[in-house]
Amino acid sequence: MASSNVPACLLSGRNQDASHWGRVLDSVVGLSCRKRGLLVVAHAPHGLPDLARLGVDGLLLPPQGVPPASWSHARSTPPSRIRGMDSPGCFGVVPKCAELCGRRRDARAQQFPTNLFWVNGLDFHDMRVLVTGSSRGIGFEIAKAFLSSGARVAVNGSTAQSTAMGIDKLGQPGRTVAAPGDVGTVAGCESVVGTAIAAFGGLDVLVNNAGVGAGRPIADCDEAMWDAHVNVNLKGVFFCCRAAIPELRKSGGNIVNIASDAGLMGVPGITVYCGTKGGVVNMSRAMALELAPDVRINCVCPGYVDTDMIRISASKRPDPAAYWQKMIDYAPLKRIASTEEIAHAVLYLASDKARFITGTSLAIDGGTTAGR
């Protein structure tokens, strides 16, 4: 029986022909799946690639009428228990594939290979991810989304207590590690990144989410406020990147920095915040150029997002309901983003679907930066 370390690549697409799958596999082989020991799982009734030319080791054909969604639990469920896969002869198997999988038509109880790579989905199975500022808010949702997609996640809060609370709330202790620390200092950045790397034996994705923000007129912005913003929002991003880059080069990984729509345009009353987030945007562009083609770096720039912090802020206003309505009306789409929407954007940019994207800033702002 084959080891569960045999990589598998699921190809999904009813209307794609053999040349399409050839192009897909040409890009996948040598990237995430690697060429050696690759097993191809195809759902392509209209044509199959030339496996010999591509140098892959086998082909597994799901039966007609079984959608790829039915494979979502294949990593942990024996084929005999997967919906639509319990009929005799439901697989067509080329000989070498049967050898790799240790599975024949009369042996449906064998375990399916555990490390599927989903070409048409955002699967991060067993990938090593660090999300700063992930004990609450947007960062928490990003960590949750990565866990749901199969990743192992290093959770960061500014203190051990806040980090532990975040991990407890995520509810997956076997796939999360604590990486507490203040990313407003160089030593803190190096400690947080070093803890994640030591726990995982490397790193595949870094998400710089930790940040601070306060609004004041220019005349009221003192040095302490300036330093607090620059230390976390700008210096922290840079030095977390610097600490992670050696391991990301090894893994072919990538970085997603959380900036803001206020980093793409000016907003009165939050000048210092705008300056730091604009710095993150342009710093990410410069890093992307310097580190290509080894490491991709991109930004997500949210507008107003429905988090506990923004609700607390609204509750302290003289008229909380009016303030909340003002935030809703700010974007042309007339609503506030959910944390899930920001997390989905981060996962997309961190995935192989975005492997030709680097140095970009993706605004998730309901149209705010399109013009006012």
Protein backbone atom coordinates (compact mmCIF):
# COMPACT_ATOMS: atom_id res chain seq x y z
CA MET A 1 0.00 0.00 0.00
CA ALA A 2 1.30 3.45 -0.87
CA SER A 3 2.42 5.96 1.71
CA SER A 4 0.00 8.81 2.47
CA ASN A 5 2.81 11.11 1.38
CA VAL A 6 2.04 10.44 -2.29
CA PRO A 7 0.74 13.79 -3.52
CA ALA A 8 -2.53 13.89 -5.38
CA CYS A 9 -3.91 16.52 -7.72
CA LEU A 10 -7.67 16.82 -8.24
CA LEU A 11 -8.69 18.14 -11.66
CA SER A 12 -12.29 19.26 -11.92
CA GLY A 13 -14.06 20.44 -15.06
CA ARG A 14 -16.73 18.69 -17.06
CA ASN A 15 -16.29 20.71 -20.23
CA GLN A 16 -12.50 20.83 -20.44
CA ASP A 17 -10.58 18.92 -23.07
CA ALA A 18 -7.25 17.14 -22.89
CA SER A 19 -5.26 20.19 -23.99
CA HIS A 20 -6.75 22.18 -21.10
CA TRP A 21 -5.65 19.62 -18.54
CA GLY A 22 -2.25 19.44 -20.19
CA ARG A 23 -1.81 23.17 -19.64
CA VAL A 24 -3.05 22.92 -16.06
CA LEU A 25 -0.71 20.07 -15.24
CA ASP A 26 2.21 21.76 -16.95
CA SER A 27 1.81 24.59 -14.44
CA VAL A 28 1.05 22.37 -11.44
CA VAL A 29 3.79 19.79 -11.95
CA GLY A 30 6.93 21.24 -10.42
CA LEU A 31 4.94 23.67 -8.27
CA SER A 32 2.74 22.62 -5.39
CA CYS A 33 2.38 18.97 -6.35
CA ARG A 34 5.95 18.42 -7.49
CA LYS A 35 6.64 16.10 -10.41
CA ARG A 36 7.87 13.15 -8.44
CA GLY A 37 5.20 10.76 -7.21
CA LEU A 38 2.30 12.82 -8.52
CA LEU A 39 -1.07 11.10 -8.63
CA VAL A 40 -3.71 12.77 -10.78
CA VAL A 41 -7.37 12.56 -9.83
CA ALA A 42 -9.39 13.72 -12.81
CA HIS A 43 -13.01 14.64 -13.28
CA ALA A 44 -12.79 15.37 -17.00
CA PRO A 45 -15.17 13.21 -19.04
CA HIS A 46 -14.43 15.11 -22.26
CA GLY A 47 -10.74 14.38 -22.44
CA LEU A 48 -7.65 13.50 -20.45
CA PRO A 49 -4.05 14.70 -20.63
CA ASP A 50 -1.11 12.72 -21.92
CA LEU A 51 0.16 11.47 -18.59
CA ALA A 52 3.29 9.90 -20.03
CA ARG A 53 4.37 13.23 -21.50
CA LEU A 54 3.79 14.98 -18.19
CA GLY A 55 5.63 12.34 -16.19
CA VAL A 56 2.91 11.75 -13.63
CA ASP A 57 2.44 8.41 -11.94
CA GLY A 58 -1.21 7.56 -12.18
CA LEU A 59 -4.77 8.49 -12.94
CA LEU A 60 -7.93 8.01 -10.93
CA LEU A 61 -11.29 8.62 -12.58
CA PRO A 62 -14.31 9.39 -10.40
CA PRO A 63 -17.57 7.98 -11.77
CA GLN A 64 -19.85 9.98 -14.00
CA GLY A 65 -22.30 12.09 -12.02
CA VAL A 66 -20.23 12.45 -8.85
CA PRO A 67 -19.50 16.18 -8.41
CA PRO A 68 -16.14 17.31 -7.05
CA ALA A 69 -17.92 18.68 -3.98
CA SER A 70 -18.56 15.08 -2.95
CA TRP A 71 -14.81 14.72 -2.50
CA SER A 72 -14.57 17.40 0.17
CA HIS A 73 -14.03 14.90 2.98
CA ALA A 74 -11.84 12.50 1.03
CA ARG A 75 -8.79 13.25 3.14
CA SER A 76 -10.28 11.61 6.22
CA THR A 77 -12.99 9.27 4.96
CA PRO A 78 -12.54 5.82 3.41
CA PRO A 79 -13.88 5.73 -0.17
CA SER A 80 -16.57 3.25 0.86
CA ARG A 81 -18.14 5.98 3.02
CA ILE A 82 -17.98 8.87 0.52
CA ARG A 83 -21.31 9.74 -1.07
CA GLY A 84 -21.73 8.19 -4.53
CA MET A 85 -18.53 6.16 -4.31
CA ASP A 86 -19.78 2.87 -2.93
CA SER A 87 -20.83 1.12 -6.14
CA PRO A 88 -18.62 -1.64 -7.63
CA GLY A 89 -16.28 -0.37 -10.29
CA CYS A 90 -16.87 3.27 -9.49
CA PHE A 91 -13.25 3.99 -10.32
CA GLY A 92 -11.34 3.47 -13.50
CA VAL A 93 -7.75 2.98 -12.43
CA VAL A 94 -4.61 2.79 -14.53
CA PRO A 95 -2.25 0.06 -13.26
CA LYS A 96 0.39 2.25 -11.70
CA CYS A 97 -2.24 4.27 -9.89
CA ALA A 98 -3.61 1.13 -8.27
CA GLU A 99 -0.09 0.36 -7.06
CA LEU A 100 0.32 3.86 -5.63
CA CYS A 101 -3.02 3.97 -3.88
CA GLY A 102 -2.99 0.38 -2.71
CA ARG A 103 -6.57 0.28 -3.96
CA ARG A 104 -8.36 -2.07 -6.34
CA ARG A 105 -12.00 -2.11 -7.35
CA ASP A 106 -12.70 -4.76 -4.75
CA ALA A 107 -10.81 -2.89 -2.00
CA ARG A 108 -12.95 0.17 -1.48
CA ALA A 109 -12.22 0.38 2.24
CA GLN A 110 -8.64 1.54 1.70
CA GLN A 111 -7.88 5.05 2.87
CA PHE A 112 -7.60 7.71 0.17
CA PRO A 113 -4.29 9.66 -0.01
CA THR A 114 -4.34 12.33 2.69
CA ASN A 115 -2.76 15.29 0.92
CA LEU A 116 -5.02 16.34 -1.94
CA PHE A 117 -4.09 19.50 -3.80
CA TRP A 118 -7.20 21.18 -5.17
CA VAL A 119 -6.56 22.94 -8.47
CA ASN A 120 -10.03 24.51 -8.59
CA GLY A 121 -10.33 25.36 -4.90
CA LEU A 122 -8.43 27.12 -2.12
CA ASP A 123 -6.92 24.18 -0.30
CA PHE A 124 -4.06 24.82 2.12
CA HIS A 125 -3.78 21.29 3.47
CA ASP A 126 -0.88 21.08 5.93
CA MET A 127 0.51 24.47 4.89
CA ARG A 128 2.18 26.52 7.60
CA VAL A 129 0.63 29.94 8.16
CA LEU A 130 1.34 32.78 10.57
CA VAL A 131 -1.30 35.48 11.02
CA THR A 132 -0.30 38.42 13.22
CA GLY A 133 -3.03 40.05 15.26
CA SER A 134 -5.18 36.95 14.94
CA SER A 135 -6.61 36.67 18.43
CA ARG A 136 -9.62 38.80 17.41
CA GLY A 137 -11.31 40.71 14.60
CA ILE A 138 -10.18 40.39 10.99
CA GLY A 139 -7.07 38.43 11.92
CA PHE A 140 -9.13 35.87 13.84
CA GLU A 141 -11.37 35.36 10.81
CA ILE A 142 -8.33 34.95 8.55
CA ALA A 143 -6.89 32.32 10.90
CA LYS A 144 -10.25 30.56 11.01
CA ALA A 145 -10.48 30.51 7.20
CA PHE A 146 -7.00 29.05 6.83
CA LEU A 147 -7.82 26.34 9.37
CA SER A 148 -11.02 25.54 7.50
CA SER A 149 -8.93 25.12 4.34
CA GLY A 150 -6.57 22.62 5.97
CA ALA A 151 -3.68 24.81 7.11
CA ARG A 152 -1.79 24.82 10.37
CA VAL A 153 -1.89 28.30 11.87
CA ALA A 154 0.32 30.20 14.28
CA VAL A 155 -1.96 32.56 16.22
CA ASN A 156 -0.56 35.87 17.43
CA GLY A 157 -1.86 38.25 20.03
CA SER A 158 0.10 40.93 21.84
CA THR A 159 0.05 38.90 25.07
CA ALA A 160 0.11 35.21 25.96
CA GLN A 161 -3.35 35.58 27.47
CA SER A 162 -4.98 37.13 24.40
CA THR A 163 -3.28 34.56 22.17
CA ALA A 164 -4.53 31.69 24.32
CA MET A 165 -8.06 33.10 24.23
CA GLY A 166 -7.93 33.30 20.44
CA ILE A 167 -6.71 29.71 20.13
CA ASP A 168 -9.40 28.51 22.53
CA LYS A 169 -12.08 30.28 20.49
CA LEU A 170 -10.78 28.78 17.23
CA GLY A 171 -11.27 25.35 18.78
CA GLN A 172 -8.59 23.45 16.87
CA PRO A 173 -5.72 23.03 19.34
CA GLY A 174 -4.04 20.29 17.33
CA ARG A 175 -3.55 22.58 14.33
CA THR A 176 -2.83 25.89 16.02
CA VAL A 177 0.24 27.08 17.90
CA ALA A 178 0.67 30.14 20.07
CA ALA A 179 3.03 32.84 18.82
CA PRO A 180 2.40 35.73 21.20
CA GLY A 181 4.36 38.94 21.07
CA ASP A 182 4.36 42.66 20.40
CA VAL A 183 5.06 43.23 16.71
CA GLY A 184 5.70 46.89 17.44
CA THR A 185 9.33 46.05 18.22
CA VAL A 186 11.99 44.36 16.12
CA ALA A 187 12.64 41.83 18.88
CA GLY A 188 8.92 41.09 19.10
CA CYS A 189 8.64 40.53 15.35
CA GLU A 190 11.61 38.18 15.34
CA SER A 191 10.23 36.28 18.34
CA VAL A 192 6.75 35.85 16.83
CA VAL A 193 8.04 34.68 13.45
CA GLY A 194 10.73 32.52 15.05
CA THR A 195 8.17 30.80 17.27
CA ALA A 196 5.98 29.92 14.27
CA ILE A 197 8.92 28.62 12.24
CA ALA A 198 10.22 26.53 15.13
CA ALA A 199 6.79 25.01 15.75
CA PHE A 200 6.11 24.17 12.10
CA GLY A 201 9.62 23.53 10.82
CA GLY A 202 9.20 26.28 8.25
CA LEU A 203 6.65 28.73 6.88
CA ASP A 204 4.48 28.91 3.75
CA VAL A 205 2.34 32.03 4.30
CA LEU A 206 2.77 35.16 6.40
CA VAL A 207 -0.22 37.44 6.92
CA ASN A 208 0.69 40.77 8.51
CA ASN A 209 -2.63 41.79 9.99
CA ALA A 210 -1.75 43.39 13.32
CA GLY A 211 -2.41 47.11 13.34
CA VAL A 212 -3.52 50.11 15.34
CA GLY A 213 -5.65 53.08 14.35
CA ALA A 214 -6.85 56.29 15.92
CA GLY A 215 -8.34 59.46 14.54
CA ARG A 216 -7.18 62.93 15.59
CA PRO A 217 -6.81 66.34 13.99
CA ILE A 218 -3.24 67.06 12.94
CA ALA A 219 -2.78 69.56 15.77
CA ASP A 220 -3.55 66.83 18.32
CA CYS A 221 -1.19 64.19 16.89
CA ASP A 222 1.78 63.94 19.23
CA GLU A 223 4.97 61.91 19.01
CA ALA A 224 3.60 59.07 21.11
CA MET A 225 0.67 58.59 18.74
CA TRP A 226 2.96 58.77 15.72
CA ASP A 227 5.36 56.20 17.17
CA ALA A 228 2.56 53.83 18.16
CA HIS A 229 1.19 53.80 14.61
CA VAL A 230 4.52 53.57 12.84
CA ASN A 231 5.85 50.88 15.18
CA VAL A 232 2.99 48.42 14.63
CA ASN A 233 1.56 49.36 11.23
CA LEU A 234 4.79 49.94 9.32
CA LYS A 235 7.86 48.82 11.24
CA GLY A 236 6.10 45.69 12.44
CA VAL A 237 5.13 44.67 8.91
CA PHE A 238 8.64 45.24 7.61
CA PHE A 239 10.44 43.31 10.33
CA CYS A 240 7.98 40.41 10.35
CA CYS A 241 8.58 40.16 6.59
CA ARG A 242 12.34 40.34 7.07
CA ALA A 243 12.28 37.57 9.67
CA ALA A 244 10.07 35.31 7.52
CA ILE A 245 11.68 35.79 4.09
CA PRO A 246 14.46 33.16 4.43
CA GLU A 247 11.92 30.41 5.17
CA LEU A 248 9.48 31.69 2.56
CA ARG A 249 12.23 31.52 -0.06
CA LYS A 250 12.75 27.86 0.84
CA SER A 251 9.05 27.00 0.63
CA GLY A 252 8.17 29.21 -2.34
CA GLY A 253 5.73 30.92 -0.02
CA ASN A 254 4.11 34.32 0.00
CA ILE A 255 3.09 37.29 2.13
CA VAL A 256 -0.24 39.10 2.39
CA ASN A 257 -0.14 42.47 4.15
CA ILE A 258 -3.33 44.01 5.48
CA ALA A 259 -3.30 47.70 4.65
CA SER A 260 -6.45 49.82 4.25
CA ASP A 261 -8.45 51.85 1.78
CA ALA A 262 -6.93 54.73 3.77
CA GLY A 263 -3.59 53.63 2.37
CA LEU A 264 -4.89 54.25 -1.15
CA MET A 265 -6.47 57.67 -0.60
CA GLY A 266 -6.42 60.54 1.86
CA VAL A 267 -8.99 60.70 4.65
CA PRO A 268 -9.21 63.79 6.86
CA GLY A 269 -8.83 63.22 10.56
CA ILE A 270 -6.71 60.05 10.30
CA THR A 271 -3.56 61.49 8.72
CA VAL A 272 -1.12 59.39 10.72
CA TYR A 273 -3.04 56.19 10.02
CA CYS A 274 -3.19 57.05 6.31
CA GLY A 275 0.56 57.62 6.28
CA THR A 276 1.38 54.24 7.81
CA LYS A 277 -1.06 52.26 5.66
CA GLY A 278 0.10 54.05 2.52
CA GLY A 279 3.59 53.06 3.55
CA VAL A 280 2.53 49.41 3.77
CA VAL A 281 1.09 49.55 0.25
CA ASN A 282 4.20 51.02 -1.37
CA MET A 283 6.60 48.99 0.78
CA SER A 284 4.81 45.85 -0.40
CA ARG A 285 5.32 46.89 -4.03
CA ALA A 286 9.04 47.43 -3.46
CA MET A 287 9.40 44.11 -1.63
CA ALA A 288 7.52 42.29 -4.38
CA LEU A 289 10.01 43.56 -6.96
CA GLU A 290 13.02 42.72 -4.81
CA LEU A 291 11.89 39.22 -3.87
CA ALA A 292 10.43 38.05 -7.21
CA PRO A 293 10.32 35.37 -8.45
CA ASP A 294 10.96 33.57 -5.14
CA VAL A 295 8.35 35.14 -2.86
CA ARG A 296 5.09 36.88 -3.79
CA ILE A 297 3.86 39.85 -1.72
CA ASN A 298 0.43 41.45 -1.99
CA CYS A 299 -1.85 43.75 0.01
CA VAL A 300 -5.50 43.63 0.96
CA CYS A 301 -6.98 47.07 1.59
CA PRO A 302 -10.28 46.85 3.51
CA GLY A 303 -12.74 49.64 3.97
CA TYR A 304 -15.00 49.65 7.02
CA VAL A 305 -15.32 46.11 8.41
CA ASP A 306 -17.82 44.86 10.98
CA THR A 307 -15.58 43.90 13.90
CA ASP A 308 -15.93 44.02 17.66
CA MET A 309 -13.53 46.96 17.77
CA ILE A 310 -15.56 49.09 15.35
CA ARG A 311 -18.76 48.27 17.27
CA ILE A 312 -17.11 49.33 20.52
CA SER A 313 -15.95 52.54 18.84
CA ALA A 314 -19.47 53.24 17.59
CA SER A 315 -20.95 52.61 21.02
CA LYS A 316 -18.82 55.39 22.49
CA ARG A 317 -20.14 58.03 20.08
CA PRO A 318 -22.83 60.51 21.18
CA ASP A 319 -25.20 58.96 18.63
CA PRO A 320 -24.05 55.36 17.93
CA ALA A 321 -26.84 54.67 15.43
CA ALA A 322 -26.04 57.77 13.37
CA TYR A 323 -22.33 56.92 13.40
CA TRP A 324 -23.06 53.37 12.25
CA GLN A 325 -25.28 54.66 9.45
CA LYS A 326 -22.51 57.04 8.38
CA MET A 327 -20.16 54.07 7.98
CA ILE A 328 -22.79 52.20 5.96
CA ASP A 329 -23.30 55.18 3.66
CA TYR A 330 -19.56 55.76 3.19
CA ALA A 331 -19.14 53.09 0.50
CA PRO A 332 -21.03 53.23 -2.81
CA LEU A 333 -22.34 49.72 -2.12
CA LYS A 334 -23.94 51.10 1.04
CA ARG A 335 -22.86 48.55 3.57
CA ILE A 336 -19.93 47.49 5.73
CA ALA A 337 -17.76 44.50 4.86
CA SER A 338 -17.85 41.31 6.89
CA THR A 339 -14.67 39.83 8.31
CA GLU A 340 -15.31 36.74 6.17
CA GLU A 341 -15.09 38.83 3.00
CA ILE A 342 -11.64 40.09 3.98
CA ALA A 343 -10.51 36.57 4.88
CA HIS A 344 -11.64 35.20 1.50
CA ALA A 345 -9.56 37.86 -0.29
CA VAL A 346 -6.51 36.98 1.80
CA LEU A 347 -6.84 33.26 1.07
CA TYR A 348 -7.19 33.94 -2.64
CA LEU A 349 -4.00 36.02 -2.77
CA ALA A 350 -2.15 33.41 -0.67
CA SER A 351 -3.28 30.54 -2.91
CA ASP A 352 -1.83 29.08 -6.08
CA LYS A 353 -4.78 30.58 -7.94
CA ALA A 354 -2.99 33.91 -7.49
CA ARG A 355 0.46 32.62 -8.41
CA PHE A 356 0.85 35.26 -11.17
CA ILE A 357 -0.10 38.09 -8.82
CA THR A 358 2.50 40.03 -6.86
CA GLY A 359 2.88 43.65 -5.84
CA THR A 360 -0.83 44.37 -6.08
CA SER A 361 -3.22 45.99 -3.62
CA LEU A 362 -6.73 44.54 -3.59
CA ALA A 363 -9.32 46.99 -2.27
CA ILE A 364 -12.24 45.36 -0.47
CA ASP A 365 -14.05 48.61 0.15
CA GLY A 366 -17.43 48.61 -1.56
CA GLY A 367 -16.17 51.00 -4.23
CA THR A 368 -14.85 53.72 -1.92
CA THR A 369 -11.49 54.14 -3.66
CA ALA A 370 -13.10 54.25 -7.11
CA GLY A 371 -13.75 57.96 -6.54
CA ARG A 372 -15.92 60.25 -4.49
